[in-house]
Amino acid sequence: MLDEKDLKELIAKVLKNIDSESIITPKEIEKKVSEIVNVENIGNDELKDITAIDLREIIELKHPYDRETLLKYKRKTPARLGISRAGSRYTTNTYLRLRADHASAMDAVFTDVPEEFLKRNNLFSVNTKCMNKDEYITRPDLGREISDEGIKLIKEKCKMNPTVEVYVSDGLSSTAIEANIENTLPALLNGLKSFGIEAGTPFFVKNGRVGAADHISEILNAEITCVLIGERPGLATAESMSAYITYKGYRGISESKRTVVSNIHKNGTPSSEAGAHIASIIKKILDAKASGQDLKL
């Protein structure tokens, strides 16, 4: 990165190469800068990833009244507490971190889960009736219905009448799926196996809403349906995943009939622990033959 001295030298070289009597456009200035500075020589190791810094350990206030107490409470929440300002505005560091975290959230929503990731985890893919991400955002109803091609593929590849059908969906965060599935899904399936519970064939639903589980329940005639789905990202994390579990789901079932395990991410419920926990809840749902508000945990 250029320090102040290097920047002054660069400006001096550019000005030296400019004819003072002619008018030069911004593009011409940019071209002269490129000729002097080889940007390819700037390595990635020189660029700091500000999102890697844990905000719970940072106090930006210059003179906090009680630093230790403030730090104690900051460590209990990812919320932006104790930030500073320059006049009526955020400081540069605070503003850049907000922009970076917002960019991560946008990427989580609009980026697709890579095909290589799905193949590595033995998940075939089906689509909902949403044709793209824009339609997924604006038409939640289409995200609750599996496409005709998807229905055909599910019937061809999946075990019918499973006790528990577990599947994965991107939802509102593909980042959450990539961050958690490789630990959560195997642990969940092994947990069900240890309880002697039959599981169906796992697969992936692209552009899926939680309600797509009810359509899948009808397609496969599953007793219990469990979807591992990416949650709406925020400025605290874009990696949060949840499990929505429904006993004898059907299209139009009340949302109160679902049991949810939320905040599955590195700063919440770790993905390595979540799978076994979800399996134990499914066992209780089977025993009680009820989920959601009807289930007394």
C-alpha atoms as a PDB file:
ATOM      1  CA  MET A   1       0.000   0.000   0.000  1.00  0.00           C
ATOM      2  CA  LEU A   2       1.187   3.565  -0.701  1.00  0.00           C
ATOM      3  CA  ASP A   3       2.255   5.631   2.289  1.00  0.00           C
ATOM      4  CA  GLU A   4       2.086   9.441   2.366  1.00  0.00           C
ATOM      5  CA  LYS A   5       5.600   9.877   0.965  1.00  0.00           C
ATOM      6  CA  ASP A   6       4.986   7.495  -1.946  1.00  0.00           C
ATOM      7  CA  LEU A   7       1.670   9.177  -2.716  1.00  0.00           C
ATOM      8  CA  LYS A   8       3.296  12.616  -2.891  1.00  0.00           C
ATOM      9  CA  GLU A   9       5.971  11.262  -5.221  1.00  0.00           C
ATOM     10  CA  LEU A  10       3.328   9.689  -7.423  1.00  0.00           C
ATOM     11  CA  ILE A  11       1.378  12.944  -7.694  1.00  0.00           C
ATOM     12  CA  ALA A  12       4.592  14.802  -8.538  1.00  0.00           C
ATOM     13  CA  LYS A  13       5.395  12.337 -11.356  1.00  0.00           C
ATOM     14  CA  VAL A  14       1.901  12.593 -12.795  1.00  0.00           C
ATOM     15  CA  LEU A  15       1.948  16.382 -12.753  1.00  0.00           C
ATOM     16  CA  LYS A  16       5.389  16.389 -14.353  1.00  0.00           C
ATOM     17  CA  ASN A  17       4.023  14.364 -17.259  1.00  0.00           C
ATOM     18  CA  ILE A  18       1.050  16.652 -17.803  1.00  0.00           C
ATOM     19  CA  ASP A  19       1.337  19.562 -20.271  1.00  0.00           C
ATOM     20  CA  SER A  20       0.289  22.548 -18.177  1.00  0.00           C
ATOM     21  CA  GLU A  21      -1.179  24.319 -21.201  1.00  0.00           C
ATOM     22  CA  SER A  22      -3.448  21.466 -22.263  1.00  0.00           C
ATOM     23  CA  ILE A  23      -6.660  20.145 -20.787  1.00  0.00           C
ATOM     24  CA  ILE A  24      -6.377  16.580 -19.503  1.00  0.00           C
ATOM     25  CA  THR A  25      -9.339  14.336 -18.760  1.00  0.00           C
ATOM     26  CA  PRO A  26      -9.724  12.133 -15.666  1.00  0.00           C
ATOM     27  CA  LYS A  27      -9.246   9.045 -17.878  1.00  0.00           C
ATOM     28  CA  GLU A  28      -5.930  10.392 -19.137  1.00  0.00           C
ATOM     29  CA  ILE A  29      -4.802  11.035 -15.562  1.00  0.00           C
ATOM     30  CA  GLU A  30      -5.796   7.491 -14.628  1.00  0.00           C
ATOM     31  CA  LYS A  31      -3.804   6.155 -17.579  1.00  0.00           C
ATOM     32  CA  LYS A  32      -0.690   8.080 -16.529  1.00  0.00           C
ATOM     33  CA  VAL A  33      -1.041   6.803 -12.969  1.00  0.00           C
ATOM     34  CA  SER A  34      -1.271   3.233 -14.269  1.00  0.00           C
ATOM     35  CA  GLU A  35       1.881   3.742 -16.300  1.00  0.00           C
ATOM     36  CA  ILE A  36       3.795   4.820 -13.221  1.00  0.00           C
ATOM     37  CA  VAL A  37       2.363   2.354 -10.714  1.00  0.00           C
ATOM     38  CA  ASN A  38       2.131  -1.341 -11.487  1.00  0.00           C
ATOM     39  CA  VAL A  39      -0.962  -2.294  -9.459  1.00  0.00           C
ATOM     40  CA  GLU A  40      -0.289  -5.982 -10.065  1.00  0.00           C
ATOM     41  CA  ASN A  41       2.625  -5.725  -7.655  1.00  0.00           C
ATOM     42  CA  ILE A  42       0.258  -5.092  -4.767  1.00  0.00           C
ATOM     43  CA  GLY A  43      -0.207  -8.464  -3.056  1.00  0.00           C
ATOM     44  CA  ASN A  44      -3.280  -9.669  -1.204  1.00  0.00           C
ATOM     45  CA  ASP A  45      -1.192  -9.980   1.934  1.00  0.00           C
ATOM     46  CA  GLU A  46      -1.062  -6.183   2.055  1.00  0.00           C
ATOM     47  CA  LEU A  47      -4.865  -5.885   2.241  1.00  0.00           C
ATOM     48  CA  LYS A  48      -6.396  -6.454   5.671  1.00  0.00           C
ATOM     49  CA  ASP A  49      -9.743  -8.210   5.997  1.00  0.00           C
ATOM     50  CA  ILE A  50     -11.534  -5.967   8.474  1.00  0.00           C
ATOM     51  CA  THR A  51     -14.443  -8.429   8.771  1.00  0.00           C
ATOM     52  CA  ALA A  52     -12.054 -10.908  10.446  1.00  0.00           C
ATOM     53  CA  ILE A  53     -11.835  -8.624  13.494  1.00  0.00           C
ATOM     54  CA  ASP A  54     -14.188  -9.568  16.338  1.00  0.00           C
ATOM     55  CA  LEU A  55     -16.189  -6.430  17.139  1.00  0.00           C
ATOM     56  CA  ARG A  56     -16.848  -7.756  20.632  1.00  0.00           C
ATOM     57  CA  GLU A  57     -13.187  -7.139  21.459  1.00  0.00           C
ATOM     58  CA  ILE A  58     -13.017  -3.597  20.059  1.00  0.00           C
ATOM     59  CA  ILE A  59     -13.838  -0.341  21.864  1.00  0.00           C
ATOM     60  CA  GLU A  60     -13.591   2.692  19.607  1.00  0.00           C
ATOM     61  CA  LEU A  61     -14.519   5.300  22.210  1.00  0.00           C
ATOM     62  CA  LYS A  62     -11.469   7.386  23.008  1.00  0.00           C
ATOM     63  CA  HIS A  63     -12.228   7.910  26.684  1.00  0.00           C
ATOM     64  CA  PRO A  64     -14.788   5.362  27.975  1.00  0.00           C
ATOM     65  CA  TYR A  65     -15.867   5.916  31.569  1.00  0.00           C
ATOM     66  CA  ASP A  66     -15.420   2.245  32.498  1.00  0.00           C
ATOM     67  CA  ARG A  67     -13.589   0.313  29.770  1.00  0.00           C
ATOM     68  CA  GLU A  68     -13.676  -3.087  31.501  1.00  0.00           C
ATOM     69  CA  THR A  69     -17.428  -2.997  32.189  1.00  0.00           C
ATOM     70  CA  LEU A  70     -18.151  -1.866  28.633  1.00  0.00           C
ATOM     71  CA  LEU A  71     -15.984  -4.683  27.278  1.00  0.00           C
ATOM     72  CA  LYS A  72     -17.775  -7.168  29.534  1.00  0.00           C
ATOM     73  CA  TYR A  73     -21.148  -6.297  27.999  1.00  0.00           C
ATOM     74  CA  LYS A  74     -19.790  -6.069  24.442  1.00  0.00           C
ATOM     75  CA  ARG A  75     -18.604  -9.665  24.717  1.00  0.00           C
ATOM     76  CA  LYS A  76     -22.195 -10.770  25.308  1.00  0.00           C
ATOM     77  CA  THR A  77     -23.543  -9.476  21.999  1.00  0.00           C
ATOM     78  CA  PRO A  78     -22.410  -8.945  18.382  1.00  0.00           C
ATOM     79  CA  ALA A  79     -24.290  -5.605  18.365  1.00  0.00           C
ATOM     80  CA  ARG A  80     -22.250  -2.510  17.602  1.00  0.00           C
ATOM     81  CA  LEU A  81     -21.785  -1.050  21.081  1.00  0.00           C
ATOM     82  CA  GLY A  82     -19.225   1.556  22.058  1.00  0.00           C
ATOM     83  CA  ILE A  83     -18.474   2.902  18.572  1.00  0.00           C
ATOM     84  CA  SER A  84     -17.056   6.372  18.105  1.00  0.00           C
ATOM     85  CA  ARG A  85     -17.890   9.228  15.747  1.00  0.00           C
ATOM     86  CA  ALA A  86     -16.375  12.199  14.003  1.00  0.00           C
ATOM     87  CA  GLY A  87     -18.809  15.057  14.566  1.00  0.00           C
ATOM     88  CA  SER A  88     -22.204  13.732  13.495  1.00  0.00           C
ATOM     89  CA  ARG A  89     -20.749  10.921  11.362  1.00  0.00           C
ATOM     90  CA  TYR A  90     -19.273   7.477  11.866  1.00  0.00           C
ATOM     91  CA  THR A  91     -15.500   7.181  11.998  1.00  0.00           C
ATOM     92  CA  THR A  92     -13.877   5.785   8.846  1.00  0.00           C
ATOM     93  CA  ASN A  93     -13.207   2.392  10.429  1.00  0.00           C
ATOM     94  CA  THR A  94     -16.807   2.020  11.652  1.00  0.00           C
ATOM     95  CA  TYR A  95     -18.210   3.064   8.273  1.00  0.00           C
ATOM     96  CA  LEU A  96     -15.962   0.674   6.336  1.00  0.00           C
ATOM     97  CA  ARG A  97     -16.879  -2.215   8.639  1.00  0.00           C
ATOM     98  CA  LEU A  98     -20.591  -1.492   8.153  1.00  0.00           C
ATOM     99  CA  ARG A  99     -20.122  -1.497   4.374  1.00  0.00           C
ATOM    100  CA  ALA A 100     -18.059  -4.701   4.476  1.00  0.00           C
ATOM    101  CA  ASP A 101     -20.585  -6.548   6.658  1.00  0.00           C
ATOM    102  CA  HIS A 102     -23.431  -5.324   4.448  1.00  0.00           C
ATOM    103  CA  ALA A 103     -21.572  -6.600   1.378  1.00  0.00           C
ATOM    104  CA  SER A 104     -21.170 -10.018   3.035  1.00  0.00           C
ATOM    105  CA  ALA A 105     -24.906 -10.095   3.725  1.00  0.00           C
ATOM    106  CA  MET A 106     -25.719  -9.216   0.101  1.00  0.00           C
ATOM    107  CA  ASP A 107     -23.353 -11.907  -1.175  1.00  0.00           C
ATOM    108  CA  ALA A 108     -25.000 -14.459   1.123  1.00  0.00           C
ATOM    109  CA  VAL A 109     -28.419 -13.754  -0.405  1.00  0.00           C
ATOM    110  CA  PHE A 110     -27.522 -13.432  -4.089  1.00  0.00           C
ATOM    111  CA  THR A 111     -24.693 -15.978  -4.452  1.00  0.00           C
ATOM    112  CA  ASP A 112     -25.520 -19.571  -5.337  1.00  0.00           C
ATOM    113  CA  VAL A 113     -24.190 -22.586  -3.454  1.00  0.00           C
ATOM    114  CA  PRO A 114     -21.417 -23.996  -5.715  1.00  0.00           C
ATOM    115  CA  GLU A 115     -22.166 -27.222  -7.594  1.00  0.00           C
ATOM    116  CA  GLU A 116     -18.809 -28.603  -6.419  1.00  0.00           C
ATOM    117  CA  PHE A 117     -19.939 -28.194  -2.810  1.00  0.00           C
ATOM    118  CA  LEU A 118     -23.177 -30.104  -3.454  1.00  0.00           C
ATOM    119  CA  LYS A 119     -21.339 -32.932  -5.234  1.00  0.00           C
ATOM    120  CA  ARG A 120     -18.820 -33.188  -2.404  1.00  0.00           C
ATOM    121  CA  ASN A 121     -21.696 -33.666   0.042  1.00  0.00           C
ATOM    122  CA  ASN A 122     -23.633 -36.099  -2.187  1.00  0.00           C
ATOM    123  CA  LEU A 123     -26.602 -33.772  -2.642  1.00  0.00           C
ATOM    124  CA  PHE A 124     -28.496 -33.694  -5.919  1.00  0.00           C
ATOM    125  CA  SER A 125     -30.275 -30.423  -6.650  1.00  0.00           C
ATOM    126  CA  VAL A 126     -33.876 -29.482  -7.474  1.00  0.00           C
ATOM    127  CA  ASN A 127     -35.456 -26.078  -8.027  1.00  0.00           C
ATOM    128  CA  THR A 128     -38.550 -24.420  -6.673  1.00  0.00           C
ATOM    129  CA  LYS A 129     -40.821 -22.526  -9.043  1.00  0.00           C
ATOM    130  CA  CYS A 130     -38.588 -19.439  -8.641  1.00  0.00           C
ATOM    131  CA  MET A 131     -36.582 -18.917 -11.819  1.00  0.00           C
ATOM    132  CA  ASN A 132     -33.924 -16.666 -10.267  1.00  0.00           C
ATOM    133  CA  LYS A 133     -32.919 -14.785  -7.101  1.00  0.00           C
ATOM    134  CA  ASP A 134     -34.953 -11.691  -7.964  1.00  0.00           C
ATOM    135  CA  GLU A 135     -38.106 -13.790  -8.262  1.00  0.00           C
ATOM    136  CA  TYR A 136     -37.179 -15.607  -5.063  1.00  0.00           C
ATOM    137  CA  ILE A 137     -37.052 -12.274  -3.184  1.00  0.00           C
ATOM    138  CA  THR A 138     -40.290 -10.910  -4.631  1.00  0.00           C
ATOM    139  CA  ARG A 139     -42.392 -14.109  -4.826  1.00  0.00           C
ATOM    140  CA  PRO A 140     -42.163 -16.081  -1.551  1.00  0.00           C
ATOM    141  CA  ASP A 141     -45.146 -18.172  -2.652  1.00  0.00           C
ATOM    142  CA  LEU A 142     -43.168 -19.649  -5.571  1.00  0.00           C
ATOM    143  CA  GLY A 143     -40.325 -20.516  -3.197  1.00  0.00           C
ATOM    144  CA  ARG A 144     -42.706 -22.810  -1.283  1.00  0.00           C
ATOM    145  CA  GLU A 145     -43.506 -24.952  -4.334  1.00  0.00           C
ATOM    146  CA  ILE A 146     -41.169 -27.481  -5.995  1.00  0.00           C
ATOM    147  CA  SER A 147     -40.981 -27.217  -9.792  1.00  0.00           C
ATOM    148  CA  ASP A 148     -42.492 -29.971 -11.965  1.00  0.00           C
ATOM    149  CA  GLU A 149     -38.990 -31.115 -12.957  1.00  0.00           C
ATOM    150  CA  GLY A 150     -37.981 -31.128  -9.292  1.00  0.00           C
ATOM    151  CA  ILE A 151     -40.976 -33.269  -8.294  1.00  0.00           C
ATOM    152  CA  LYS A 152     -40.058 -35.819 -10.956  1.00  0.00           C
ATOM    153  CA  LEU A 153     -36.413 -35.919  -9.828  1.00  0.00           C
ATOM    154  CA  ILE A 154     -37.348 -36.300  -6.143  1.00  0.00           C
ATOM    155  CA  LYS A 155     -39.655 -39.229  -6.943  1.00  0.00           C
ATOM    156  CA  GLU A 156     -36.915 -40.873  -9.028  1.00  0.00           C
ATOM    157  CA  LYS A 157     -34.043 -40.500  -6.561  1.00  0.00           C
ATOM    158  CA  CYS A 158     -35.556 -40.421  -3.077  1.00  0.00           C
ATOM    159  CA  LYS A 159     -36.806 -43.151  -0.776  1.00  0.00           C
ATOM    160  CA  MET A 160     -40.579 -42.948  -0.501  1.00  0.00           C
ATOM    161  CA  ASN A 161     -42.490 -42.964   2.817  1.00  0.00           C
ATOM    162  CA  PRO A 162     -39.460 -42.151   5.024  1.00  0.00           C
ATOM    163  CA  THR A 163     -39.864 -41.701   8.754  1.00  0.00           C
ATOM    164  CA  VAL A 164     -37.714 -38.553   8.526  1.00  0.00           C
ATOM    165  CA  GLU A 165     -36.845 -36.643   5.374  1.00  0.00           C
ATOM    166  CA  VAL A 166     -33.839 -34.357   5.867  1.00  0.00           C
ATOM    167  CA  TYR A 167     -32.896 -31.950   3.084  1.00  0.00           C
ATOM    168  CA  VAL A 168     -30.876 -28.756   2.608  1.00  0.00           C
ATOM    169  CA  SER A 169     -31.934 -25.407   1.134  1.00  0.00           C
ATOM    170  CA  ASP A 170     -30.088 -22.160   0.450  1.00  0.00           C
ATOM    171  CA  GLY A 171     -32.917 -19.974   1.732  1.00  0.00           C
ATOM    172  CA  LEU A 172     -31.618 -16.447   2.271  1.00  0.00           C
ATOM    173  CA  SER A 173     -27.972 -17.386   2.833  1.00  0.00           C
ATOM    174  CA  SER A 174     -25.860 -19.640   0.648  1.00  0.00           C
ATOM    175  CA  THR A 175     -22.942 -18.656   2.900  1.00  0.00           C
ATOM    176  CA  ALA A 176     -24.655 -20.336   5.875  1.00  0.00           C
ATOM    177  CA  ILE A 177     -24.986 -23.593   3.948  1.00  0.00           C
ATOM    178  CA  GLU A 178     -21.315 -23.652   2.951  1.00  0.00           C
ATOM    179  CA  ALA A 179     -20.246 -22.804   6.511  1.00  0.00           C
ATOM    180  CA  ASN A 180     -22.338 -25.386   8.378  1.00  0.00           C
ATOM    181  CA  ILE A 181     -23.659 -28.306   6.313  1.00  0.00           C
ATOM    182  CA  GLU A 182     -20.470 -30.363   6.156  1.00  0.00           C
ATOM    183  CA  ASN A 183     -20.567 -30.736   9.953  1.00  0.00           C
ATOM    184  CA  THR A 184     -24.287 -30.591  10.687  1.00  0.00           C
ATOM    185  CA  LEU A 185     -25.751 -32.953   8.082  1.00  0.00           C
ATOM    186  CA  PRO A 186     -23.536 -36.027   8.810  1.00  0.00           C
ATOM    187  CA  ALA A 187     -23.963 -35.544  12.572  1.00  0.00           C
ATOM    188  CA  LEU A 188     -27.752 -35.319  12.158  1.00  0.00           C
ATOM    189  CA  LEU A 189     -27.978 -38.452   9.999  1.00  0.00           C
ATOM    190  CA  ASN A 190     -25.677 -40.402  12.340  1.00  0.00           C
ATOM    191  CA  GLY A 191     -27.736 -39.220  15.315  1.00  0.00           C
ATOM    192  CA  LEU A 192     -30.961 -40.486  13.728  1.00  0.00           C
ATOM    193  CA  LYS A 193     -29.263 -43.791  12.937  1.00  0.00           C
ATOM    194  CA  SER A 194     -28.147 -44.171  16.561  1.00  0.00           C
ATOM    195  CA  PHE A 195     -31.798 -43.786  17.643  1.00  0.00           C
ATOM    196  CA  GLY A 196     -32.867 -46.409  15.116  1.00  0.00           C
ATOM    197  CA  ILE A 197     -34.810 -43.824  13.092  1.00  0.00           C
ATOM    198  CA  GLU A 198     -35.063 -44.332   9.333  1.00  0.00           C
ATOM    199  CA  ALA A 199     -33.944 -41.314   7.303  1.00  0.00           C
ATOM    200  CA  GLY A 200     -34.790 -40.613   3.677  1.00  0.00           C
ATOM    201  CA  THR A 201     -32.500 -39.460   0.868  1.00  0.00           C
ATOM    202  CA  PRO A 202     -30.896 -36.020   1.472  1.00  0.00           C
ATOM    203  CA  PHE A 203     -30.907 -33.517  -1.388  1.00  0.00           C
ATOM    204  CA  PHE A 204     -30.672 -29.753  -2.041  1.00  0.00           C
ATOM    205  CA  VAL A 205     -33.451 -27.285  -2.892  1.00  0.00           C
ATOM    206  CA  LYS A 206     -32.396 -24.112  -4.699  1.00  0.00           C
ATOM    207  CA  ASN A 207     -34.330 -20.878  -4.045  1.00  0.00           C
ATOM    208  CA  GLY A 208     -36.344 -22.586  -1.335  1.00  0.00           C
ATOM    209  CA  ARG A 209     -38.503 -21.147   1.424  1.00  0.00           C
ATOM    210  CA  VAL A 210     -39.252 -22.985   4.674  1.00  0.00           C
ATOM    211  CA  GLY A 211     -42.718 -23.840   3.382  1.00  0.00           C
ATOM    212  CA  ALA A 212     -41.230 -25.978   0.581  1.00  0.00           C
ATOM    213  CA  ALA A 213     -40.819 -28.640   3.293  1.00  0.00           C
ATOM    214  CA  ASP A 214     -44.602 -29.084   3.335  1.00  0.00           C
ATOM    215  CA  HIS A 215     -44.713 -29.720  -0.413  1.00  0.00           C
ATOM    216  CA  ILE A 216     -41.831 -32.207  -0.064  1.00  0.00           C
ATOM    217  CA  SER A 217     -43.661 -33.915   2.802  1.00  0.00           C
ATOM    218  CA  GLU A 218     -46.618 -34.477   0.490  1.00  0.00           C
ATOM    219  CA  ILE A 219     -44.437 -35.671  -2.403  1.00  0.00           C
ATOM    220  CA  LEU A 220     -42.581 -38.277  -0.318  1.00  0.00           C
ATOM    221  CA  ASN A 221     -45.289 -38.987   2.274  1.00  0.00           C
ATOM    222  CA  ALA A 222     -42.754 -38.328   5.052  1.00  0.00           C
ATOM    223  CA  GLU A 223     -43.805 -38.575   8.684  1.00  0.00           C
ATOM    224  CA  ILE A 224     -41.346 -35.827   9.665  1.00  0.00           C
ATOM    225  CA  THR A 225     -39.656 -33.285   7.420  1.00  0.00           C
ATOM    226  CA  CYS A 226     -36.515 -31.407   8.523  1.00  0.00           C
ATOM    227  CA  VAL A 227     -35.002 -28.644   6.396  1.00  0.00           C
ATOM    228  CA  LEU A 228     -31.571 -27.168   7.091  1.00  0.00           C
ATOM    229  CA  ILE A 229     -31.863 -23.677   5.617  1.00  0.00           C
ATOM    230  CA  GLY A 230     -29.849 -20.455   5.445  1.00  0.00           C
ATOM    231  CA  GLU A 231     -31.358 -17.631   7.467  1.00  0.00           C
ATOM    232  CA  ARG A 232     -31.673 -13.960   6.562  1.00  0.00           C
ATOM    233  CA  PRO A 233     -28.165 -12.480   7.074  1.00  0.00           C
ATOM    234  CA  GLY A 234     -27.576  -9.421   9.210  1.00  0.00           C
ATOM    235  CA  LEU A 235     -24.622  -7.164   9.969  1.00  0.00           C
ATOM    236  CA  ALA A 236     -23.581  -9.498  12.808  1.00  0.00           C
ATOM    237  CA  THR A 237     -23.255 -12.667  10.706  1.00  0.00           C
ATOM    238  CA  ALA A 238     -24.130 -14.005   7.268  1.00  0.00           C
ATOM    239  CA  GLU A 239     -23.515 -17.636   8.314  1.00  0.00           C
ATOM    240  CA  SER A 240     -26.595 -18.376  10.440  1.00  0.00           C
ATOM    241  CA  MET A 241     -28.505 -21.564   9.585  1.00  0.00           C
ATOM    242  CA  SER A 242     -31.661 -23.034  11.120  1.00  0.00           C
ATOM    243  CA  ALA A 243     -33.441 -26.379  11.191  1.00  0.00           C
ATOM    244  CA  TYR A 244     -37.236 -26.344  10.748  1.00  0.00           C
ATOM    245  CA  ILE A 245     -38.892 -29.612  11.756  1.00  0.00           C
ATOM    246  CA  THR A 246     -42.538 -30.419  10.978  1.00  0.00           C
ATOM    247  CA  TYR A 247     -44.584 -33.477  11.962  1.00  0.00           C
ATOM    248  CA  LYS A 248     -46.839 -34.660   9.123  1.00  0.00           C
ATOM    249  CA  GLY A 249     -46.553 -31.442   7.163  1.00  0.00           C
ATOM    250  CA  TYR A 250     -48.865 -30.420   4.341  1.00  0.00           C
ATOM    251  CA  ARG A 251     -49.234 -27.317   2.222  1.00  0.00           C
ATOM    252  CA  GLY A 252     -51.076 -24.676   4.207  1.00  0.00           C
ATOM    253  CA  ILE A 253     -50.089 -26.002   7.639  1.00  0.00           C
ATOM    254  CA  SER A 254     -49.777 -23.355  10.363  1.00  0.00           C
ATOM    255  CA  GLU A 255     -46.285 -22.004  11.063  1.00  0.00           C
ATOM    256  CA  SER A 256     -46.954 -22.702  14.758  1.00  0.00           C
ATOM    257  CA  LYS A 257     -46.667 -26.428  13.965  1.00  0.00           C
ATOM    258  CA  ARG A 258     -42.913 -26.140  13.309  1.00  0.00           C
ATOM    259  CA  THR A 259     -40.132 -26.756  15.810  1.00  0.00           C
ATOM    260  CA  VAL A 260     -37.063 -24.602  15.125  1.00  0.00           C
ATOM    261  CA  VAL A 261     -33.399 -24.860  16.048  1.00  0.00           C
ATOM    262  CA  SER A 262     -31.891 -21.485  15.116  1.00  0.00           C
ATOM    263  CA  ASN A 263     -28.574 -19.600  15.249  1.00  0.00           C
ATOM    264  CA  ILE A 264     -26.428 -22.454  13.982  1.00  0.00           C
ATOM    265  CA  HIS A 265     -23.085 -20.768  13.310  1.00  0.00           C
ATOM    266  CA  LYS A 266     -19.633 -20.414  14.849  1.00  0.00           C
ATOM    267  CA  ASN A 267     -20.718 -17.734  17.333  1.00  0.00           C
ATOM    268  CA  GLY A 268     -24.031 -19.415  18.165  1.00  0.00           C
ATOM    269  CA  THR A 269     -24.753 -23.154  18.274  1.00  0.00           C
ATOM    270  CA  PRO A 270     -21.657 -24.705  16.611  1.00  0.00           C
ATOM    271  CA  SER A 271     -22.410 -26.760  13.505  1.00  0.00           C
ATOM    272  CA  SER A 272     -20.517 -29.722  14.968  1.00  0.00           C
ATOM    273  CA  GLU A 273     -22.971 -29.840  17.909  1.00  0.00           C
ATOM    274  CA  ALA A 274     -26.169 -28.871  16.098  1.00  0.00           C
ATOM    275  CA  GLY A 275     -26.662 -32.145  14.217  1.00  0.00           C
ATOM    276  CA  ALA A 276     -26.818 -34.339  17.327  1.00  0.00           C
ATOM    277  CA  HIS A 277     -29.100 -31.801  19.050  1.00  0.00           C
ATOM    278  CA  ILE A 278     -31.535 -31.766  16.110  1.00  0.00           C
ATOM    279  CA  ALA A 279     -31.573 -35.579  16.037  1.00  0.00           C
ATOM    280  CA  SER A 280     -32.532 -35.691  19.720  1.00  0.00           C
ATOM    281  CA  ILE A 281     -35.396 -33.236  19.106  1.00  0.00           C
ATOM    282  CA  ILE A 282     -36.656 -35.303  16.174  1.00  0.00           C
ATOM    283  CA  LYS A 283     -36.702 -38.346  18.486  1.00  0.00           C
ATOM    284  CA  LYS A 284     -38.908 -36.406  20.929  1.00  0.00           C
ATOM    285  CA  ILE A 285     -41.206 -35.295  18.095  1.00  0.00           C
ATOM    286  CA  LEU A 286     -41.627 -38.897  16.970  1.00  0.00           C
ATOM    287  CA  ASP A 287     -42.390 -40.055  20.496  1.00  0.00           C
ATOM    288  CA  ALA A 288     -44.931 -37.257  21.050  1.00  0.00           C
ATOM    289  CA  LYS A 289     -46.278 -37.354  17.459  1.00  0.00           C
ATOM    290  CA  ALA A 290     -46.363 -33.574  17.522  1.00  0.00           C
ATOM    291  CA  SER A 291     -44.197 -30.566  16.634  1.00  0.00           C
ATOM    292  CA  GLY A 292     -44.254 -26.808  17.187  1.00  0.00           C
ATOM    293  CA  GLN A 293     -46.584 -25.526  19.871  1.00  0.00           C
ATOM    294  CA  ASP A 294     -48.108 -28.975  20.252  1.00  0.00           C
ATOM    295  CA  LEU A 295     -44.758 -30.367  21.423  1.00  0.00           C
ATOM    296  CA  LYS A 296     -43.910 -30.032  25.105  1.00  0.00           C
ATOM    297  CA  LEU A 297     -40.109 -30.110  25.467  1.00  0.00           C
END
